[in-house]
Amino acid sequence: MYLEQQRLRHYIQALCPQIPLCWLWGMFRRWTRSDSLEPYYGFGNGSAMRVSPVGFAFDTMEEVLAEAKRSAEGIKEAQTVAAAVLLARHGESKRRIKDFIEKNFGYDLAEL
């Protein structure tokens, strides 16, 4: 497992400089430019930082909470994609991946 994590970190560090606006990611950016393969130990507040402008963009509590909920949905979507990639990497069928996503994340993928 540790070797796989090391390899993944190496790929991330190699690819990040090619991603537009990667410089916005602060501590993550510094980590990608370092020789270290150790975790960069961010503050764990990325979601809070990304959603905070919603309080300025909308004028009512209803609007703010509805929009902020979309950020939580983004986390669920990211987990869904990561799970699907892992299952595909392990040779699971499209049907098995679809069933897993529907069961564990509650998406209706009937049309796929």
C-alpha atoms as a PDB file:
ATOM      1  CA  MET A   1       0.000   0.000   0.000  1.00  0.00           C
ATOM      2  CA  TYR A   2       2.747   2.448   0.921  1.00  0.00           C
ATOM      3  CA  LEU A   3       4.462   2.021  -2.460  1.00  0.00           C
ATOM      4  CA  GLU A   4       1.181   2.702  -4.262  1.00  0.00           C
ATOM      5  CA  GLN A   5       0.717   5.901  -2.233  1.00  0.00           C
ATOM      6  CA  GLN A   6       4.257   6.972  -3.077  1.00  0.00           C
ATOM      7  CA  ARG A   7       3.626   6.370  -6.779  1.00  0.00           C
ATOM      8  CA  LEU A   8       0.344   8.309  -6.684  1.00  0.00           C
ATOM      9  CA  ARG A   9       2.002  11.252  -4.935  1.00  0.00           C
ATOM     10  CA  HIS A  10       4.749  11.230  -7.548  1.00  0.00           C
ATOM     11  CA  TYR A  11       2.162  11.426 -10.365  1.00  0.00           C
ATOM     12  CA  ILE A  12       0.234  14.197  -8.633  1.00  0.00           C
ATOM     13  CA  GLN A  13       3.407  16.209  -8.113  1.00  0.00           C
ATOM     14  CA  ALA A  14       4.373  15.735 -11.757  1.00  0.00           C
ATOM     15  CA  LEU A  15       0.950  16.653 -13.170  1.00  0.00           C
ATOM     16  CA  CYS A  16      -0.104  19.569 -10.976  1.00  0.00           C
ATOM     17  CA  PRO A  17       2.183  22.169 -12.582  1.00  0.00           C
ATOM     18  CA  GLN A  18       0.422  21.426 -15.873  1.00  0.00           C
ATOM     19  CA  ILE A  19      -3.031  22.224 -14.436  1.00  0.00           C
ATOM     20  CA  PRO A  20      -4.212  25.813 -14.961  1.00  0.00           C
ATOM     21  CA  LEU A  21      -4.698  27.701 -11.695  1.00  0.00           C
ATOM     22  CA  CYS A  22      -2.952  25.024  -9.626  1.00  0.00           C
ATOM     23  CA  TRP A  23      -1.150  27.970  -8.023  1.00  0.00           C
ATOM     24  CA  LEU A  24      -4.395  28.789  -6.190  1.00  0.00           C
ATOM     25  CA  TRP A  25      -4.026  25.733  -3.993  1.00  0.00           C
ATOM     26  CA  GLY A  26      -1.530  27.225  -1.500  1.00  0.00           C
ATOM     27  CA  MET A  27       0.021  24.503   0.644  1.00  0.00           C
ATOM     28  CA  PHE A  28      -0.842  21.859  -1.947  1.00  0.00           C
ATOM     29  CA  ARG A  29       1.015  23.860  -4.591  1.00  0.00           C
ATOM     30  CA  ARG A  30       4.105  24.151  -2.393  1.00  0.00           C
ATOM     31  CA  TRP A  31       3.992  20.405  -1.818  1.00  0.00           C
ATOM     32  CA  THR A  32       3.817  19.697  -5.570  1.00  0.00           C
ATOM     33  CA  ARG A  33       6.970  21.754  -6.079  1.00  0.00           C
ATOM     34  CA  SER A  34       8.890  20.073  -3.270  1.00  0.00           C
ATOM     35  CA  ASP A  35      10.911  16.888  -3.360  1.00  0.00           C
ATOM     36  CA  SER A  36       8.920  15.503  -0.442  1.00  0.00           C
ATOM     37  CA  LEU A  37       6.567  12.603  -0.939  1.00  0.00           C
ATOM     38  CA  GLU A  38       5.244  12.980   2.600  1.00  0.00           C
ATOM     39  CA  PRO A  39       1.732  14.426   3.159  1.00  0.00           C
ATOM     40  CA  TYR A  40       1.565  18.205   3.107  1.00  0.00           C
ATOM     41  CA  TYR A  41      -0.781  18.375   6.110  1.00  0.00           C
ATOM     42  CA  GLY A  42      -3.187  21.040   4.920  1.00  0.00           C
ATOM     43  CA  PHE A  43      -5.531  22.713   7.332  1.00  0.00           C
ATOM     44  CA  GLY A  44      -8.493  20.528   6.315  1.00  0.00           C
ATOM     45  CA  ASN A  45     -10.556  23.612   5.576  1.00  0.00           C
ATOM     46  CA  GLY A  46     -10.656  23.457   1.776  1.00  0.00           C
ATOM     47  CA  SER A  47     -14.415  22.974   1.591  1.00  0.00           C
ATOM     48  CA  ALA A  48     -15.062  25.804   4.026  1.00  0.00           C
ATOM     49  CA  MET A  49     -12.802  28.142   2.067  1.00  0.00           C
ATOM     50  CA  ARG A  50     -14.424  27.258  -1.240  1.00  0.00           C
ATOM     51  CA  VAL A  51     -17.988  27.692   0.013  1.00  0.00           C
ATOM     52  CA  SER A  52     -17.482  30.892   2.037  1.00  0.00           C
ATOM     53  CA  PRO A  53     -18.177  33.246  -0.931  1.00  0.00           C
ATOM     54  CA  VAL A  54     -21.734  31.860  -1.041  1.00  0.00           C
ATOM     55  CA  GLY A  55     -22.521  34.081   1.974  1.00  0.00           C
ATOM     56  CA  PHE A  56     -21.694  37.089  -0.193  1.00  0.00           C
ATOM     57  CA  ALA A  57     -23.311  35.872  -3.397  1.00  0.00           C
ATOM     58  CA  PHE A  58     -26.830  35.320  -2.019  1.00  0.00           C
ATOM     59  CA  ASP A  59     -29.075  37.502   0.128  1.00  0.00           C
ATOM     60  CA  THR A  60     -31.318  35.113   2.012  1.00  0.00           C
ATOM     61  CA  MET A  61     -30.593  32.244   4.377  1.00  0.00           C
ATOM     62  CA  GLU A  62     -32.667  29.953   2.172  1.00  0.00           C
ATOM     63  CA  GLU A  63     -30.524  30.742  -0.881  1.00  0.00           C
ATOM     64  CA  VAL A  64     -27.252  30.456   1.049  1.00  0.00           C
ATOM     65  CA  LEU A  65     -28.118  27.100   2.591  1.00  0.00           C
ATOM     66  CA  ALA A  66     -29.410  25.717  -0.702  1.00  0.00           C
ATOM     67  CA  GLU A  67     -26.214  26.712  -2.493  1.00  0.00           C
ATOM     68  CA  ALA A  68     -23.956  25.504   0.338  1.00  0.00           C
ATOM     69  CA  LYS A  69     -25.665  22.122   0.187  1.00  0.00           C
ATOM     70  CA  ARG A  70     -24.413  21.841  -3.368  1.00  0.00           C
ATOM     71  CA  SER A  71     -20.871  21.804  -1.963  1.00  0.00           C
ATOM     72  CA  ALA A  72     -21.744  18.783   0.173  1.00  0.00           C
ATOM     73  CA  GLU A  73     -23.162  17.148  -2.934  1.00  0.00           C
ATOM     74  CA  GLY A  74     -19.807  17.831  -4.606  1.00  0.00           C
ATOM     75  CA  ILE A  75     -18.095  15.739  -1.937  1.00  0.00           C
ATOM     76  CA  LYS A  76     -20.536  12.910  -2.585  1.00  0.00           C
ATOM     77  CA  GLU A  77     -19.890  13.204  -6.310  1.00  0.00           C
ATOM     78  CA  ALA A  78     -16.131  13.063  -5.773  1.00  0.00           C
ATOM     79  CA  GLN A  79     -16.515   9.956  -3.624  1.00  0.00           C
ATOM     80  CA  THR A  80     -18.698   8.379  -6.295  1.00  0.00           C
ATOM     81  CA  VAL A  81     -16.143   8.998  -9.029  1.00  0.00           C
ATOM     82  CA  ALA A  82     -13.259   7.736  -6.883  1.00  0.00           C
ATOM     83  CA  ALA A  83     -15.207   4.580  -6.005  1.00  0.00           C
ATOM     84  CA  ALA A  84     -16.069   3.959  -9.667  1.00  0.00           C
ATOM     85  CA  VAL A  85     -12.429   4.347 -10.692  1.00  0.00           C
ATOM     86  CA  LEU A  86     -11.311   1.928  -7.982  1.00  0.00           C
ATOM     87  CA  LEU A  87     -13.902  -0.657  -8.995  1.00  0.00           C
ATOM     88  CA  ALA A  88     -12.972  -0.316 -12.671  1.00  0.00           C
ATOM     89  CA  ARG A  89      -9.293  -0.618 -11.799  1.00  0.00           C
ATOM     90  CA  HIS A  90     -10.071  -3.886 -10.048  1.00  0.00           C
ATOM     91  CA  GLY A  91     -11.815  -5.206 -13.162  1.00  0.00           C
ATOM     92  CA  GLU A  92     -15.423  -4.871 -12.021  1.00  0.00           C
ATOM     93  CA  SER A  93     -18.033  -4.787 -14.791  1.00  0.00           C
ATOM     94  CA  LYS A  94     -19.930  -1.646 -15.751  1.00  0.00           C
ATOM     95  CA  ARG A  95     -23.055  -3.274 -14.342  1.00  0.00           C
ATOM     96  CA  ARG A  96     -21.361  -3.944 -10.985  1.00  0.00           C
ATOM     97  CA  ILE A  97     -20.075  -0.360 -10.829  1.00  0.00           C
ATOM     98  CA  LYS A  98     -23.519   1.005 -11.689  1.00  0.00           C
ATOM     99  CA  ASP A  99     -25.166  -1.170  -9.030  1.00  0.00           C
ATOM    100  CA  PHE A 100     -22.588  -0.141  -6.429  1.00  0.00           C
ATOM    101  CA  ILE A 101     -23.118   3.560  -7.126  1.00  0.00           C
ATOM    102  CA  GLU A 102     -26.900   3.264  -7.006  1.00  0.00           C
ATOM    103  CA  LYS A 103     -26.828   1.283  -3.751  1.00  0.00           C
ATOM    104  CA  ASN A 104     -24.135   3.240  -1.885  1.00  0.00           C
ATOM    105  CA  PHE A 105     -24.624   6.779  -3.157  1.00  0.00           C
ATOM    106  CA  GLY A 106     -28.328   6.815  -4.009  1.00  0.00           C
ATOM    107  CA  TYR A 107     -28.009   7.874  -7.623  1.00  0.00           C
ATOM    108  CA  ASP A 108     -30.567   6.604 -10.143  1.00  0.00           C
ATOM    109  CA  LEU A 109     -28.542   5.441 -13.113  1.00  0.00           C
ATOM    110  CA  ALA A 110     -31.433   3.678 -14.838  1.00  0.00           C
ATOM    111  CA  GLU A 111     -30.827   5.479 -18.142  1.00  0.00           C
ATOM    112  CA  LEU A 112     -27.178   4.453 -18.328  1.00  0.00           C
END
